[in-house]
Amino acid sequence: MRHVVFVAVLGLAIALALPARGQTPDAQALRNEIGQLRKDLDALQKQYGDRLALLEGKLAQLAEAQAAPPAPAPMAVPTGGSKIFNPDIAVIGDVLGAAGKNPVNGSPALELHEAELSFQAVVDPYARADFFFTFGPEGAGVEEAYITFPTLPAGLLMKAGMMRAAFGKVNELHNHVLPWTDRPLVTNNLVGGEDGIHLAGLSVARLIPNPWVFLEATGQVFYGSSDVFTSSRRRDLAYVGHVRGYQDITESSNLDLGASYSRGPTVSSAELAGPDGADQGRFQTQLYGVDATFRYRPLRRSIYRSFRGRSELVWSRREQTNGLQRSFGYYVSGEYQFARRWFAGIRFDRSDRADAATTFDTGQSLMLTYWPSEFSQVRAQYRRTRYAQSTTANEFLFQFQFSIGSHGAHPF
């Protein structure tokens, strides 16, 4: 009996040790793979659980930081090279020379005609300041010095200080931005010459909304003495009005039109007082002007080709002891760029004289200008002028200009 039991147990052990009938090695491999996938799934669950706990901790910290008041940021201290308190400074030199004869209005053979020193900066978010000082053979002076407020209510732009009046085009231009070495006869005879209408005053400008063109109106009031207007009492004010319209004709050309009016005292009231000191009245001068500028600059050849045509017509009504003088003058000018740094120009002038309307002067000029760079300029001009005294002057004028520093743009 013992032998039978032993044999049975041994057979059962062998049966359990051997693989079951019908089971193959491939099934065992699948069982092993399932076990490995279960281990990988457990590892991924643990990894994502750790990341989720970390993100929840960061979110809690962020919520606490937003609930607390923010710490003040440190104030930035300007470095030594900062320009926060320094204006843009520039110096422009203008050297003129002349050859030939002009017995009526001669000029030196060589002279430093003008050196302009400019200071320009933003005062605060609501204003900017511009100062232009000139130095020449006749001494130093203030070309312009004014503050500009560009953000006034109703879209107004206001200036206050010493400035050139917005009468026409040439009167507003400084010498170094003129396309000629001199100023036209109509400017010299009727609008005060190089100084022009240049007084202390207030200026207010505003854009006029419309769907057609850029339109701007400017009104100005001045007090002081110039070659055109003279003030001696507080109520001796000069007034200037200017309307300007601008419109693109094509993608390469545009047209700028303007109309101007000015009125002010010509002679101080003290000079007109009678023997008893009573005011006998004041002389007045009125100026009317029309200006036009056409510009052409092709987009693809803008550094090689361009053209600019200008013209101004001025009517003067000047009261004098010998009666009202009605004078008229104009100029027509054109400048053509024929190479990258070369310009050729021509100008025709005709103007009556403000104090003697029955006499007039005429002139013609040819110009050639070369720009070695944006900071220097060389210009030659042949000028022929026939004055009212039946005197003809033929002159060759030349000009050298150079600049250093950052100089802001002037009206164009």
Protein backbone atom coordinates (compact mmCIF):
# COMPACT_ATOMS: atom_id res chain seq x y z
CA MET A 1 0.00 0.00 0.00
CA ARG A 2 2.81 2.41 0.80
CA HIS A 3 4.33 1.74 -2.60
CA VAL A 4 1.05 2.54 -4.32
CA VAL A 5 0.68 5.88 -2.48
CA PHE A 6 4.29 6.86 -3.24
CA VAL A 7 3.85 6.14 -6.94
CA ALA A 8 0.63 8.15 -7.03
CA VAL A 9 2.19 11.19 -5.34
CA LEU A 10 5.23 10.99 -7.62
CA GLY A 11 3.02 10.87 -10.67
CA LEU A 12 1.01 13.85 -9.49
CA ALA A 13 4.18 15.92 -8.90
CA ILE A 14 5.46 15.08 -12.35
CA ALA A 15 2.12 16.03 -13.86
CA LEU A 16 2.13 19.40 -12.12
CA ALA A 17 5.73 20.09 -13.18
CA LEU A 18 5.05 19.35 -16.83
CA PRO A 19 3.13 21.96 -18.99
CA ALA A 20 -0.53 21.27 -19.47
CA ARG A 21 -1.71 19.51 -22.57
CA GLY A 22 -2.36 21.96 -25.42
CA GLN A 23 -0.30 24.83 -23.83
CA THR A 24 2.42 26.26 -26.10
CA PRO A 25 5.46 28.48 -25.45
CA ASP A 26 3.67 31.47 -27.22
CA ALA A 27 0.97 31.65 -24.57
CA GLN A 28 3.61 31.92 -21.86
CA ALA A 29 5.25 34.84 -23.68
CA LEU A 30 1.91 36.65 -23.85
CA ARG A 31 1.43 36.09 -20.11
CA ASN A 32 4.84 37.67 -19.46
CA GLU A 33 4.05 40.67 -21.70
CA ILE A 34 0.77 41.31 -19.88
CA GLY A 35 2.62 41.32 -16.60
CA GLN A 36 5.15 43.87 -17.92
CA LEU A 37 2.38 46.19 -19.19
CA ARG A 38 0.79 46.13 -15.76
CA LYS A 39 4.09 47.19 -14.21
CA ASP A 40 4.49 50.05 -16.78
CA LEU A 41 0.93 51.24 -16.14
CA ASP A 42 1.58 51.39 -12.43
CA ALA A 43 4.76 53.43 -13.05
CA LEU A 44 2.90 55.93 -15.31
CA GLN A 45 0.14 56.38 -12.75
CA LYS A 46 2.69 57.15 -10.08
CA GLN A 47 4.55 59.62 -12.40
CA TYR A 48 1.39 61.57 -13.36
CA GLY A 49 0.24 61.60 -9.78
CA ASP A 50 3.53 63.23 -8.73
CA ARG A 51 3.29 65.88 -11.51
CA LEU A 52 -0.34 66.65 -10.64
CA ALA A 53 0.59 67.19 -7.01
CA LEU A 54 3.47 69.52 -8.03
CA LEU A 55 1.20 71.68 -10.28
CA GLU A 56 -1.45 71.95 -7.57
CA GLY A 57 1.23 73.22 -5.18
CA LYS A 58 2.39 75.90 -7.65
CA LEU A 59 -1.21 77.01 -8.23
CA ALA A 60 -1.72 77.48 -4.51
CA GLN A 61 1.46 79.58 -4.25
CA LEU A 62 0.35 81.79 -7.17
CA ALA A 63 -3.06 82.39 -5.59
CA GLU A 64 -1.38 83.47 -2.35
CA ALA A 65 0.97 85.87 -4.25
CA GLN A 66 -1.95 87.54 -6.06
CA ALA A 67 -3.84 88.01 -2.83
CA ALA A 68 -0.87 89.80 -1.20
CA PRO A 69 -0.07 93.48 -2.17
CA PRO A 70 2.68 93.75 -4.84
CA ALA A 71 6.12 94.81 -3.71
CA PRO A 72 7.24 98.21 -5.09
CA ALA A 73 9.53 97.98 -8.10
CA PRO A 74 12.95 99.58 -7.71
CA MET A 75 13.27 103.00 -9.40
CA ALA A 76 15.42 102.99 -12.50
CA VAL A 77 18.41 105.25 -12.14
CA PRO A 78 19.58 106.90 -15.40
CA THR A 79 23.08 105.97 -16.39
CA GLY A 80 25.72 108.53 -17.20
CA GLY A 81 25.14 108.16 -20.94
CA SER A 82 21.39 108.82 -20.78
CA LYS A 83 20.00 111.73 -22.86
CA ILE A 84 16.89 112.17 -20.77
CA PHE A 85 17.89 115.71 -19.74
CA ASN A 86 19.88 116.68 -22.86
CA PRO A 87 18.31 118.34 -25.95
CA ASP A 88 19.31 117.62 -29.54
CA ILE A 89 22.05 120.11 -30.43
CA ALA A 90 23.21 121.04 -33.92
CA VAL A 91 25.35 123.70 -35.59
CA ILE A 92 24.99 124.62 -39.26
CA GLY A 93 27.46 126.83 -41.11
CA ASP A 94 26.58 128.82 -44.24
CA VAL A 95 29.48 130.30 -46.24
CA LEU A 96 28.64 132.57 -49.20
CA GLY A 97 30.79 134.02 -51.93
CA ALA A 98 30.17 136.30 -54.89
CA ALA A 99 31.90 137.36 -58.10
CA GLY A 100 30.81 139.99 -60.62
CA LYS A 101 29.28 143.44 -60.16
CA ASN A 102 26.16 144.56 -58.38
CA PRO A 103 26.18 148.31 -57.61
CA VAL A 104 22.66 148.22 -56.12
CA ASN A 105 22.76 145.25 -53.72
CA GLY A 106 26.32 144.02 -53.52
CA SER A 107 27.69 141.38 -51.17
CA PRO A 108 31.22 140.51 -49.97
CA ALA A 109 33.48 138.26 -51.99
CA LEU A 110 33.49 135.78 -49.11
CA GLU A 111 31.63 135.72 -45.79
CA LEU A 112 30.31 133.41 -43.12
CA HIS A 113 26.78 134.44 -43.91
CA GLU A 114 25.27 132.63 -40.95
CA ALA A 115 25.97 130.02 -38.29
CA GLU A 116 22.82 128.53 -36.78
CA LEU A 117 22.86 126.87 -33.36
CA SER A 118 19.78 124.83 -32.45
CA PHE A 119 18.49 123.21 -29.27
CA GLN A 120 15.42 120.99 -29.58
CA ALA A 121 13.83 118.69 -27.02
CA VAL A 122 10.56 117.36 -25.62
CA VAL A 123 9.71 119.28 -22.45
CA ASP A 124 7.13 116.80 -21.17
CA PRO A 125 4.44 114.55 -22.71
CA TYR A 126 2.42 117.67 -23.58
CA ALA A 127 4.98 120.12 -25.02
CA ARG A 128 8.26 120.50 -26.89
CA ALA A 129 10.68 123.43 -27.20
CA ASP A 130 12.77 124.67 -30.13
CA PHE A 131 15.53 127.30 -29.96
CA PHE A 132 17.44 128.58 -33.00
CA PHE A 133 20.21 131.16 -32.57
CA THR A 134 22.08 132.79 -35.44
CA PHE A 135 25.57 134.28 -35.57
CA GLY A 136 26.76 136.37 -38.50
CA PRO A 137 28.70 139.46 -39.55
CA GLU A 138 26.04 141.71 -38.00
CA GLY A 139 26.14 139.92 -34.63
CA ALA A 140 24.10 137.31 -32.81
CA GLY A 141 20.34 137.00 -32.71
CA VAL A 142 17.38 134.75 -32.09
CA GLU A 143 16.07 133.14 -35.25
CA GLU A 144 13.24 131.34 -33.47
CA ALA A 145 12.50 130.33 -29.88
CA TYR A 146 9.09 128.86 -29.14
CA ILE A 147 7.25 126.17 -27.24
CA THR A 148 4.70 123.93 -28.94
CA PHE A 149 1.61 122.38 -27.33
CA PRO A 150 0.34 119.65 -29.70
CA THR A 151 -2.32 118.04 -27.47
CA LEU A 152 -4.74 120.88 -26.71
CA PRO A 153 -8.50 120.25 -26.73
CA ALA A 154 -10.43 120.38 -30.01
CA GLY A 155 -7.37 119.21 -31.93
CA LEU A 156 -5.56 122.56 -31.62
CA LEU A 157 -1.79 123.01 -31.92
CA MET A 158 -0.42 126.14 -30.27
CA LYS A 159 2.99 127.83 -30.38
CA ALA A 160 4.22 130.71 -28.25
CA GLY A 161 7.47 132.64 -28.57
CA MET A 162 9.62 134.16 -31.31
CA MET A 163 8.85 132.61 -34.66
CA ARG A 164 8.61 133.14 -38.39
CA ALA A 165 5.10 133.92 -39.56
CA ALA A 166 3.21 131.34 -41.61
CA PHE A 167 2.92 133.67 -44.60
CA GLY A 168 3.55 131.80 -47.83
CA LYS A 169 6.45 129.36 -48.08
CA VAL A 170 9.75 131.24 -48.22
CA ASN A 171 9.09 133.40 -45.17
CA GLU A 172 9.00 130.27 -42.95
CA LEU A 173 12.24 128.77 -44.31
CA HIS A 174 15.60 129.19 -42.61
CA ASN A 175 18.51 130.14 -44.86
CA HIS A 176 20.10 126.70 -44.86
CA VAL A 177 16.99 124.97 -46.28
CA LEU A 178 16.43 127.36 -49.18
CA PRO A 179 16.90 125.83 -52.64
CA TRP A 180 18.88 128.96 -53.66
CA THR A 181 21.76 130.97 -52.24
CA ASP A 182 19.49 134.04 -51.90
CA ARG A 183 15.81 134.89 -51.46
CA PRO A 184 13.52 135.91 -54.35
CA LEU A 185 12.97 139.57 -55.20
CA VAL A 186 9.33 139.45 -54.09
CA THR A 187 10.47 138.37 -50.61
CA ASN A 188 13.05 141.14 -50.42
CA ASN A 189 10.75 143.87 -51.76
CA LEU A 190 7.39 143.03 -50.19
CA VAL A 191 7.79 140.53 -47.32
CA GLY A 192 10.77 141.91 -45.41
CA GLY A 193 13.74 140.17 -46.99
CA GLU A 194 15.84 137.71 -45.02
CA ASP A 195 14.26 138.57 -41.66
CA GLY A 196 10.75 138.63 -43.10
CA ILE A 197 7.74 138.63 -40.79
CA HIS A 198 9.66 137.44 -37.75
CA LEU A 199 8.26 138.56 -34.39
CA ALA A 200 7.17 137.40 -30.95
CA GLY A 201 3.66 136.05 -30.92
CA LEU A 202 1.12 133.28 -30.57
CA SER A 203 0.11 130.75 -33.21
CA VAL A 204 -2.87 128.39 -33.25
CA ALA A 205 -3.36 125.75 -35.96
CA ARG A 206 -6.02 123.12 -36.55
CA LEU A 207 -6.74 120.47 -39.13
CA ILE A 208 -10.05 120.91 -40.94
CA PRO A 209 -11.67 117.47 -41.31
CA ASN A 210 -12.93 116.65 -44.79
CA PRO A 211 -13.03 113.54 -47.01
CA TRP A 212 -11.01 115.04 -49.87
CA VAL A 213 -7.67 116.64 -48.92
CA PHE A 214 -5.39 117.42 -46.01
CA LEU A 215 -6.48 120.92 -44.95
CA GLU A 216 -4.94 123.04 -42.20
CA ALA A 217 -5.78 126.54 -40.98
CA THR A 218 -3.38 128.71 -38.96
CA GLY A 219 -4.02 131.98 -37.15
CA GLN A 220 -1.23 134.09 -35.61
CA VAL A 221 -0.85 137.35 -33.73
CA PHE A 222 2.49 139.18 -33.36
CA TYR A 223 3.96 142.17 -31.57
CA GLY A 224 7.26 143.89 -32.28
CA SER A 225 9.23 145.53 -35.06
CA SER A 226 10.43 144.09 -38.34
CA ASP A 227 11.03 145.32 -41.87
CA VAL A 228 7.30 144.92 -42.57
CA PHE A 229 5.47 145.74 -39.33
CA THR A 230 6.31 148.12 -36.47
CA SER A 231 4.62 148.14 -33.05
CA SER A 232 4.90 150.92 -30.46
CA ARG A 233 1.79 150.35 -28.33
CA ARG A 234 0.19 147.24 -26.94
CA ARG A 235 -2.65 147.41 -29.41
CA ASP A 236 -0.25 147.68 -32.37
CA LEU A 237 -0.55 144.02 -33.30
CA ALA A 238 0.09 142.23 -36.56
CA TYR A 239 -2.18 139.37 -37.67
CA VAL A 240 -1.40 136.49 -40.02
CA GLY A 241 -3.75 133.86 -41.41
CA HIS A 242 -2.78 130.90 -43.56
CA VAL A 243 -4.75 128.02 -45.10
CA ARG A 244 -2.88 125.08 -46.57
CA GLY A 245 -4.21 122.19 -48.65
CA TYR A 246 -2.23 119.07 -49.56
CA GLN A 247 -3.19 116.22 -51.87
CA ASP A 248 -1.42 113.24 -53.47
CA ILE A 249 -1.93 113.18 -57.22
CA THR A 250 -0.28 109.82 -57.87
CA GLU A 251 1.87 107.52 -55.76
CA SER A 252 4.89 109.55 -56.90
CA SER A 253 3.57 113.14 -56.98
CA ASN A 254 1.64 115.60 -54.82
CA LEU A 255 0.43 119.18 -54.85
CA ASP A 256 0.56 121.71 -52.00
CA LEU A 257 -1.52 124.90 -52.23
CA GLY A 258 -1.77 127.78 -49.76
CA ALA A 259 -3.39 131.16 -49.26
CA SER A 260 -2.14 133.82 -46.81
CA TYR A 261 -3.24 137.15 -45.39
CA SER A 262 -1.42 139.55 -43.09
CA ARG A 263 -2.21 142.96 -41.63
CA GLY A 264 -0.34 145.20 -39.22
CA PRO A 265 1.04 148.68 -38.44
CA THR A 266 3.77 150.02 -40.66
CA VAL A 267 5.03 153.08 -38.78
CA SER A 268 4.95 153.66 -35.02
CA SER A 269 2.20 155.90 -33.72
CA ALA A 270 4.72 158.26 -32.10
CA GLU A 271 6.05 159.23 -35.51
CA LEU A 272 2.51 160.18 -36.59
CA ALA A 273 1.65 162.32 -33.54
CA GLY A 274 0.79 165.95 -34.20
CA PRO A 275 2.31 169.02 -32.55
CA ASP A 276 -0.01 168.67 -29.58
CA GLY A 277 0.91 165.02 -29.11
CA ALA A 278 -2.46 163.75 -30.32
CA ASP A 279 -2.48 160.58 -32.31
CA GLN A 280 -3.06 161.46 -35.95
CA GLY A 281 -3.69 157.85 -37.01
CA ARG A 282 -1.56 154.92 -38.03
CA PHE A 283 -0.35 153.53 -41.34
CA GLN A 284 -1.32 149.96 -42.13
CA THR A 285 0.14 147.35 -44.44
CA GLN A 286 -1.83 144.45 -45.83
CA LEU A 287 -0.31 141.45 -47.60
CA TYR A 288 -2.12 138.82 -49.66
CA GLY A 289 -0.35 135.71 -50.85
CA VAL A 290 -0.90 132.54 -52.86
CA ASP A 291 1.68 129.74 -52.97
CA ALA A 292 1.91 126.43 -54.81
CA THR A 293 4.39 123.56 -54.65
CA PHE A 294 4.45 120.49 -56.89
CA ARG A 295 6.66 117.53 -55.98
CA TYR A 296 7.53 114.47 -58.04
CA ARG A 297 9.66 111.59 -56.77
CA PRO A 298 9.32 108.16 -58.42
CA LEU A 299 9.33 105.38 -55.85
CA ARG A 300 11.75 103.07 -57.64
CA ARG A 301 14.22 105.84 -58.57
CA SER A 302 13.71 108.26 -55.69
CA ILE A 303 17.42 108.66 -54.89
CA TYR A 304 18.26 109.41 -58.53
CA ARG A 305 15.34 111.41 -59.96
CA SER A 306 13.00 114.04 -58.54
CA PHE A 307 11.44 117.37 -59.41
CA ARG A 308 10.05 120.20 -57.33
CA GLY A 309 8.30 123.28 -58.71
CA ARG A 310 7.45 126.32 -56.57
CA SER A 311 5.71 129.63 -57.03
CA GLU A 312 4.46 132.46 -54.84
CA LEU A 313 2.39 135.52 -55.71
CA VAL A 314 2.19 138.42 -53.24
CA TRP A 315 0.04 141.56 -53.30
CA SER A 316 0.96 144.45 -51.01
CA ARG A 317 -1.28 147.34 -49.89
CA ARG A 318 0.92 149.81 -48.02
CA GLU A 319 -0.31 153.14 -46.64
CA GLN A 320 2.15 156.02 -46.88
CA THR A 321 2.12 159.81 -46.67
CA ASN A 322 2.11 159.98 -50.48
CA GLY A 323 -0.85 157.62 -50.75
CA LEU A 324 -1.64 153.94 -50.88
CA GLN A 325 0.99 151.86 -52.71
CA ARG A 326 -0.40 148.81 -54.51
CA SER A 327 2.44 146.45 -55.35
CA PHE A 328 2.65 142.95 -56.78
CA GLY A 329 5.42 140.40 -57.13
CA TYR A 330 6.06 136.73 -57.80
CA TYR A 331 8.67 134.08 -58.45
CA VAL A 332 8.58 130.75 -60.30
CA SER A 333 11.21 128.13 -59.53
CA GLY A 334 12.03 124.55 -60.46
CA GLU A 335 14.65 122.07 -59.21
CA TYR A 336 15.39 118.83 -61.05
CA GLN A 337 17.50 115.99 -59.66
CA PHE A 338 19.36 114.36 -62.54
CA ALA A 339 21.77 112.12 -60.56
CA ARG A 340 22.09 110.69 -57.09
CA ARG A 341 23.56 113.83 -55.50
CA TRP A 342 23.16 116.45 -58.24
CA PHE A 343 20.39 119.02 -58.70
CA ALA A 344 19.86 121.71 -61.34
CA GLY A 345 17.47 124.62 -60.92
CA ILE A 346 16.07 127.76 -62.53
CA ARG A 347 14.14 130.73 -61.11
CA PHE A 348 12.35 133.76 -62.56
CA ASP A 349 11.59 136.85 -60.42
CA ARG A 350 9.52 139.96 -60.82
CA SER A 351 8.44 142.36 -58.09
CA ASP A 352 7.24 145.90 -57.59
CA ARG A 353 8.64 147.83 -54.64
CA ALA A 354 6.49 148.23 -51.54
CA ASP A 355 7.19 151.96 -51.09
CA ALA A 356 7.14 152.82 -54.80
CA ALA A 357 4.73 150.64 -56.73
CA THR A 358 5.51 152.27 -60.09
CA THR A 359 9.04 150.75 -60.06
CA PHE A 360 9.87 147.07 -60.32
CA ASP A 361 12.82 144.68 -60.46
CA THR A 362 13.24 141.49 -62.51
CA GLY A 363 15.71 138.64 -62.27
CA GLN A 364 16.71 135.23 -63.58
CA SER A 365 18.88 132.60 -61.90
CA LEU A 366 20.46 129.25 -62.76
CA MET A 367 21.53 126.88 -59.96
CA LEU A 368 23.66 123.75 -59.69
CA THR A 369 23.77 121.91 -56.35
CA TYR A 370 25.89 118.98 -55.19
CA TRP A 371 25.36 117.08 -51.91
CA PRO A 372 28.52 115.18 -50.89
CA SER A 373 26.48 113.80 -48.00
CA GLU A 374 23.45 114.65 -45.87
CA PHE A 375 25.68 116.91 -43.76
CA SER A 376 27.24 119.13 -46.42
CA GLN A 377 26.25 120.96 -49.59
CA VAL A 378 27.95 122.89 -52.40
CA ARG A 379 25.92 125.21 -54.63
CA ALA A 380 26.68 127.55 -57.53
CA GLN A 381 24.23 130.16 -58.85
CA TYR A 382 24.36 132.54 -61.78
CA ARG A 383 22.06 135.52 -61.13
CA ARG A 384 21.08 138.29 -63.52
CA THR A 385 19.05 141.15 -62.01
CA ARG A 386 17.65 144.24 -63.67
CA TYR A 387 16.77 146.89 -61.12
CA ALA A 388 14.33 149.77 -61.40
CA GLN A 389 17.24 152.18 -61.81
CA SER A 390 17.86 150.55 -65.21
CA THR A 391 20.94 148.90 -63.73
CA THR A 392 21.73 145.31 -64.66
CA ALA A 393 23.81 143.14 -62.35
CA ASN A 394 25.44 139.87 -63.43
CA GLU A 395 26.81 137.78 -60.58
CA PHE A 396 28.20 134.36 -59.89
CA LEU A 397 27.28 133.21 -56.37
CA PHE A 398 28.52 130.12 -54.57
CA GLN A 399 27.66 128.54 -51.25
CA PHE A 400 29.14 125.97 -48.86
CA GLN A 401 27.01 124.49 -46.08
CA PHE A 402 27.98 122.02 -43.39
CA SER A 403 26.32 120.73 -40.23
CA ILE A 404 27.12 118.76 -37.12
CA GLY A 405 24.73 117.28 -34.60
CA SER A 406 21.09 116.26 -34.73
CA HIS A 407 18.96 118.95 -36.39
CA GLY A 408 15.19 118.60 -36.53
CA ALA A 409 13.21 118.95 -39.73
CA HIS A 410 11.85 122.34 -40.80
CA PRO A 411 8.57 122.92 -42.65
CA PHE A 412 8.93 121.92 -46.29
